[in-house]
Amino acid sequence: MERKRLYRFLLPLVLLLALLYTLGLVGVVPFMVSYYITIFLIFLFIFLRWEARFR
């Protein structure tokens, strides 16, 4: 149940970050925003895979 709650929290967050990432690629916001979002999403992916492996 806790995992489902985590995913429900992460879904809007990831969608918002994807929107900001796209705006960074287009040039509406500084490109550094897209850079840091990419790093955050990589760490998030690694953390979720690591957490799923140890379950």
PDB file of N, CA and C in Angstrom:
ATOM      1  N   MET A   1       0.824  -1.192   0.000  1.00  0.00           N
ATOM      2  CA  MET A   1       0.000   0.000   0.000  1.00  0.00           C
ATOM      3  C   MET A   1       0.870   1.258   0.000  1.00  0.00           C
ATOM      4  N   GLU A   2       1.986   1.188   0.710  1.00  0.00           N
ATOM      5  CA  GLU A   2       2.867   2.347   0.771  1.00  0.00           C
ATOM      6  C   GLU A   2       3.482   2.644  -0.596  1.00  0.00           C
ATOM      7  N   ARG A   3       3.784   1.599  -1.324  1.00  0.00           N
ATOM      8  CA  ARG A   3       4.372   1.761  -2.646  1.00  0.00           C
ATOM      9  C   ARG A   3       3.393   2.448  -3.600  1.00  0.00           C
ATOM     10  N   LYS A   4       2.131   2.081  -3.492  1.00  0.00           N
ATOM     11  CA  LYS A   4       1.108   2.692  -4.340  1.00  0.00           C
ATOM     12  C   LYS A   4       0.990   4.187  -4.035  1.00  0.00           C
ATOM     13  N   ARG A   5       1.072   4.536  -2.773  1.00  0.00           N
ATOM     14  CA  ARG A   5       0.998   5.942  -2.372  1.00  0.00           C
ATOM     15  C   ARG A   5       2.209   6.713  -2.902  1.00  0.00           C
ATOM     16  N   LEU A   6       3.375   6.088  -2.866  1.00  0.00           N
ATOM     17  CA  LEU A   6       4.576   6.723  -3.391  1.00  0.00           C
ATOM     18  C   LEU A   6       4.434   6.981  -4.885  1.00  0.00           C
ATOM     19  N   TYR A   7       3.928   6.012  -5.622  1.00  0.00           N
ATOM     20  CA  TYR A   7       3.759   6.185  -7.060  1.00  0.00           C
ATOM     21  C   TYR A   7       2.709   7.238  -7.383  1.00  0.00           C
ATOM     22  N   ARG A   8       1.673   7.328  -6.574  1.00  0.00           N
ATOM     23  CA  ARG A   8       0.665   8.372  -6.783  1.00  0.00           C
ATOM     24  C   ARG A   8       1.234   9.756  -6.534  1.00  0.00           C
ATOM     25  N   PHE A   9       2.210   9.851  -5.645  1.00  0.00           N
ATOM     26  CA  PHE A   9       2.883  11.125  -5.414  1.00  0.00           C
ATOM     27  C   PHE A   9       3.861  11.438  -6.543  1.00  0.00           C
ATOM     28  N   LEU A  10       4.563  10.420  -7.016  1.00  0.00           N
ATOM     29  CA  LEU A  10       5.590  10.630  -8.025  1.00  0.00           C
ATOM     30  C   LEU A  10       5.021  10.927  -9.412  1.00  0.00           C
ATOM     31  N   LEU A  11       3.846  10.429  -9.733  1.00  0.00           N
ATOM     32  CA  LEU A  11       3.289  10.629 -11.063  1.00  0.00           C
ATOM     33  C   LEU A  11       3.111  12.106 -11.415  1.00  0.00           C
ATOM     34  N   PRO A  12       2.413  12.915 -10.594  1.00  0.00           N
ATOM     35  CA  PRO A  12       2.312  14.344 -10.954  1.00  0.00           C
ATOM     36  C   PRO A  12       3.666  15.047 -10.943  1.00  0.00           C
ATOM     37  N   LEU A  13       4.545  14.629 -10.030  1.00  0.00           N
ATOM     38  CA  LEU A  13       5.874  15.228  -9.968  1.00  0.00           C
ATOM     39  C   LEU A  13       6.650  14.966 -11.255  1.00  0.00           C
ATOM     40  N   VAL A  14       6.642  13.745 -11.732  1.00  0.00           N
ATOM     41  CA  VAL A  14       7.370  13.392 -12.951  1.00  0.00           C
ATOM     42  C   VAL A  14       6.728  14.073 -14.166  1.00  0.00           C
ATOM     43  N   LEU A  15       5.411  14.181 -14.197  1.00  0.00           N
ATOM     44  CA  LEU A  15       4.765  14.870 -15.311  1.00  0.00           C
ATOM     45  C   LEU A  15       5.136  16.351 -15.335  1.00  0.00           C
ATOM     46  N   LEU A  16       5.181  16.983 -14.176  1.00  0.00           N
ATOM     47  CA  LEU A  16       5.588  18.378 -14.090  1.00  0.00           C
ATOM     48  C   LEU A  16       7.039  18.545 -14.528  1.00  0.00           C
ATOM     49  N   LEU A  17       7.902  17.643 -14.080  1.00  0.00           N
ATOM     50  CA  LEU A  17       9.301  17.706 -14.481  1.00  0.00           C
ATOM     51  C   LEU A  17       9.464  17.467 -15.978  1.00  0.00           C
ATOM     52  N   ALA A  18       8.656  16.594 -16.547  1.00  0.00           N
ATOM     53  CA  ALA A  18       8.719  16.358 -17.996  1.00  0.00           C
ATOM     54  C   ALA A  18       8.304  17.610 -18.763  1.00  0.00           C
ATOM     55  N   LEU A  19       7.311  18.310 -18.252  1.00  0.00           N
ATOM     56  CA  LEU A  19       6.892  19.564 -18.877  1.00  0.00           C
ATOM     57  C   LEU A  19       8.006  20.609 -18.798  1.00  0.00           C
ATOM     58  N   LEU A  20       8.612  20.753 -17.621  1.00  0.00           N
ATOM     59  CA  LEU A  20       9.717  21.702 -17.472  1.00  0.00           C
ATOM     60  C   LEU A  20      10.905  21.307 -18.341  1.00  0.00           C
ATOM     61  N   TYR A  21      11.168  20.019 -18.451  1.00  0.00           N
ATOM     62  CA  TYR A  21      12.259  19.525 -19.299  1.00  0.00           C
ATOM     63  C   TYR A  21      12.020  19.926 -20.749  1.00  0.00           C
ATOM     64  N   THR A  22      10.796  19.728 -21.209  1.00  0.00           N
ATOM     65  CA  THR A  22      10.449  20.083 -22.583  1.00  0.00           C
ATOM     66  C   THR A  22      10.578  21.578 -22.810  1.00  0.00           C
ATOM     67  N   LEU A  23      10.120  22.370 -21.858  1.00  0.00           N
ATOM     68  CA  LEU A  23      10.246  23.823 -21.985  1.00  0.00           C
ATOM     69  C   LEU A  23      11.709  24.246 -21.988  1.00  0.00           C
ATOM     70  N   GLY A  24      12.548  23.531 -21.277  1.00  0.00           N
ATOM     71  CA  GLY A  24      13.973  23.816 -21.295  1.00  0.00           C
ATOM     72  C   GLY A  24      14.600  23.501 -22.635  1.00  0.00           C
ATOM     73  N   LEU A  25      14.161  22.419 -23.263  1.00  0.00           N
ATOM     74  CA  LEU A  25      14.698  22.073 -24.581  1.00  0.00           C
ATOM     75  C   LEU A  25      14.247  23.070 -25.640  1.00  0.00           C
ATOM     76  N   VAL A  26      13.024  23.577 -25.491  1.00  0.00           N
ATOM     77  CA  VAL A  26      12.496  24.536 -26.454  1.00  0.00           C
ATOM     78  C   VAL A  26      13.159  25.896 -26.274  1.00  0.00           C
ATOM     79  N   GLY A  27      13.540  26.208 -25.043  1.00  0.00           N
ATOM     80  CA  GLY A  27      14.212  27.474 -24.790  1.00  0.00           C
ATOM     81  C   GLY A  27      13.393  28.456 -23.989  1.00  0.00           C
ATOM     82  N   VAL A  28      12.234  28.036 -23.489  1.00  0.00           N
ATOM     83  CA  VAL A  28      11.385  28.917 -22.700  1.00  0.00           C
ATOM     84  C   VAL A  28      11.992  29.145 -21.315  1.00  0.00           C
ATOM     85  N   VAL A  29      12.529  28.114 -20.724  1.00  0.00           N
ATOM     86  CA  VAL A  29      13.238  28.219 -19.448  1.00  0.00           C
ATOM     87  C   VAL A  29      14.710  27.894 -19.723  1.00  0.00           C
ATOM     88  N   PRO A  30      15.612  28.305 -18.837  1.00  0.00           N
ATOM     89  CA  PRO A  30      17.043  28.024 -19.077  1.00  0.00           C
ATOM     90  C   PRO A  30      17.311  26.524 -19.224  1.00  0.00           C
ATOM     91  N   PHE A  31      18.263  26.198 -20.083  1.00  0.00           N
ATOM     92  CA  PHE A  31      18.582  24.799 -20.355  1.00  0.00           C
ATOM     93  C   PHE A  31      19.102  24.082 -19.113  1.00  0.00           C
ATOM     94  N   MET A  32      19.686  24.803 -18.171  1.00  0.00           N
ATOM     95  CA  MET A  32      20.207  24.182 -16.947  1.00  0.00           C
ATOM     96  C   MET A  32      19.088  23.485 -16.171  1.00  0.00           C
ATOM     97  N   VAL A  33      17.859  23.978 -16.308  1.00  0.00           N
ATOM     98  CA  VAL A  33      16.725  23.320 -15.653  1.00  0.00           C
ATOM     99  C   VAL A  33      16.576  21.906 -16.202  1.00  0.00           C
ATOM    100  N   SER A  34      16.651  21.772 -17.512  1.00  0.00           N
ATOM    101  CA  SER A  34      16.548  20.440 -18.123  1.00  0.00           C
ATOM    102  C   SER A  34      17.705  19.545 -17.686  1.00  0.00           C
ATOM    103  N   TYR A  35      18.876  20.130 -17.557  1.00  0.00           N
ATOM    104  CA  TYR A  35      20.052  19.376 -17.128  1.00  0.00           C
ATOM    105  C   TYR A  35      19.847  18.796 -15.733  1.00  0.00           C
ATOM    106  N   TYR A  36      19.400  19.617 -14.789  1.00  0.00           N
ATOM    107  CA  TYR A  36      19.200  19.143 -13.423  1.00  0.00           C
ATOM    108  C   TYR A  36      18.014  18.182 -13.315  1.00  0.00           C
ATOM    109  N   ILE A  37      17.003  18.372 -14.125  1.00  0.00           N
ATOM    110  CA  ILE A  37      15.873  17.442 -14.135  1.00  0.00           C
ATOM    111  C   ILE A  37      16.339  16.077 -14.625  1.00  0.00           C
ATOM    112  N   THR A  38      17.189  16.052 -15.634  1.00  0.00           N
ATOM    113  CA  THR A  38      17.727  14.784 -16.137  1.00  0.00           C
ATOM    114  C   THR A  38      18.496  14.050 -15.052  1.00  0.00           C
ATOM    115  N   ILE A  39      19.339  14.767 -14.329  1.00  0.00           N
ATOM    116  CA  ILE A  39      20.099  14.146 -13.245  1.00  0.00           C
ATOM    117  C   ILE A  39      19.163  13.620 -12.161  1.00  0.00           C
ATOM    118  N   PHE A  40      18.146  14.409 -11.797  1.00  0.00           N
ATOM    119  CA  PHE A  40      17.192  13.970 -10.781  1.00  0.00           C
ATOM    120  C   PHE A  40      16.443  12.719 -11.222  1.00  0.00           C
ATOM    121  N   LEU A  41      15.995  12.677 -12.472  1.00  0.00           N
ATOM    122  CA  LEU A  41      15.244  11.517 -12.955  1.00  0.00           C
ATOM    123  C   LEU A  41      16.116  10.263 -13.036  1.00  0.00           C
ATOM    124  N   ILE A  42      17.386  10.430 -13.350  1.00  0.00           N
ATOM    125  CA  ILE A  42      18.291   9.276 -13.349  1.00  0.00           C
ATOM    126  C   ILE A  42      18.437   8.716 -11.943  1.00  0.00           C
ATOM    127  N   PHE A  43      18.642   9.607 -10.963  1.00  0.00           N
ATOM    128  CA  PHE A  43      18.745   9.141  -9.577  1.00  0.00           C
ATOM    129  C   PHE A  43      17.432   8.526  -9.092  1.00  0.00           C
ATOM    130  N   LEU A  44      16.304   9.092  -9.505  1.00  0.00           N
ATOM    131  CA  LEU A  44      15.010   8.534  -9.129  1.00  0.00           C
ATOM    132  C   LEU A  44      14.841   7.137  -9.712  1.00  0.00           C
ATOM    133  N   PHE A  45      15.217   6.952 -10.959  1.00  0.00           N
ATOM    134  CA  PHE A  45      15.126   5.644 -11.595  1.00  0.00           C
ATOM    135  C   PHE A  45      16.001   4.626 -10.870  1.00  0.00           C
ATOM    136  N   ILE A  46      17.242   5.018 -10.572  1.00  0.00           N
ATOM    137  CA  ILE A  46      18.145   4.110  -9.871  1.00  0.00           C
ATOM    138  C   ILE A  46      17.602   3.752  -8.501  1.00  0.00           C
ATOM    139  N   PHE A  47      17.072   4.732  -7.778  1.00  0.00           N
ATOM    140  CA  PHE A  47      16.507   4.474  -6.454  1.00  0.00           C
ATOM    141  C   PHE A  47      15.313   3.530  -6.528  1.00  0.00           C
ATOM    142  N   LEU A  48      14.418   3.747  -7.481  1.00  0.00           N
ATOM    143  CA  LEU A  48      13.231   2.888  -7.588  1.00  0.00           C
ATOM    144  C   LEU A  48      13.602   1.469  -7.998  1.00  0.00           C
ATOM    145  N   ARG A  49      14.583   1.318  -8.879  1.00  0.00           N
ATOM    146  CA  ARG A  49      15.028  -0.027  -9.245  1.00  0.00           C
ATOM    147  C   ARG A  49      15.682  -0.721  -8.057  1.00  0.00           C
ATOM    148  N   TRP A  50      16.489   0.017  -7.311  1.00  0.00           N
ATOM    149  CA  TRP A  50      17.161  -0.528  -6.134  1.00  0.00           C
ATOM    150  C   TRP A  50      16.146  -0.928  -5.082  1.00  0.00           C
ATOM    151  N   GLU A  51      15.140  -0.102  -4.868  1.00  0.00           N
ATOM    152  CA  GLU A  51      14.107  -0.389  -3.868  1.00  0.00           C
ATOM    153  C   GLU A  51      13.270  -1.605  -4.308  1.00  0.00           C
ATOM    154  N   ALA A  52      12.985  -1.724  -5.577  1.00  0.00           N
ATOM    155  CA  ALA A  52      12.199  -2.854  -6.076  1.00  0.00           C
ATOM    156  C   ALA A  52      13.000  -4.157  -5.985  1.00  0.00           C
ATOM    157  N   ARG A  53      14.290  -4.076  -6.179  1.00  0.00           N
ATOM    158  CA  ARG A  53      15.123  -5.271  -6.121  1.00  0.00           C
ATOM    159  C   ARG A  53      15.191  -5.848  -4.715  1.00  0.00           C
ATOM    160  N   PHE A  54      15.196  -4.986  -3.709  1.00  0.00           N
ATOM    161  CA  PHE A  54      15.310  -5.445  -2.336  1.00  0.00           C
ATOM    162  C   PHE A  54      13.981  -5.795  -1.696  1.00  0.00           C
ATOM    163  N   ARG A  55      12.890  -5.673  -2.434  1.00  0.00           N
ATOM    164  CA  ARG A  55      11.579  -6.067  -1.900  1.00  0.00           C
ATOM    165  C   ARG A  55      11.389  -7.546  -2.050  1.00  0.00           C
TER     166      ARG A  55
END
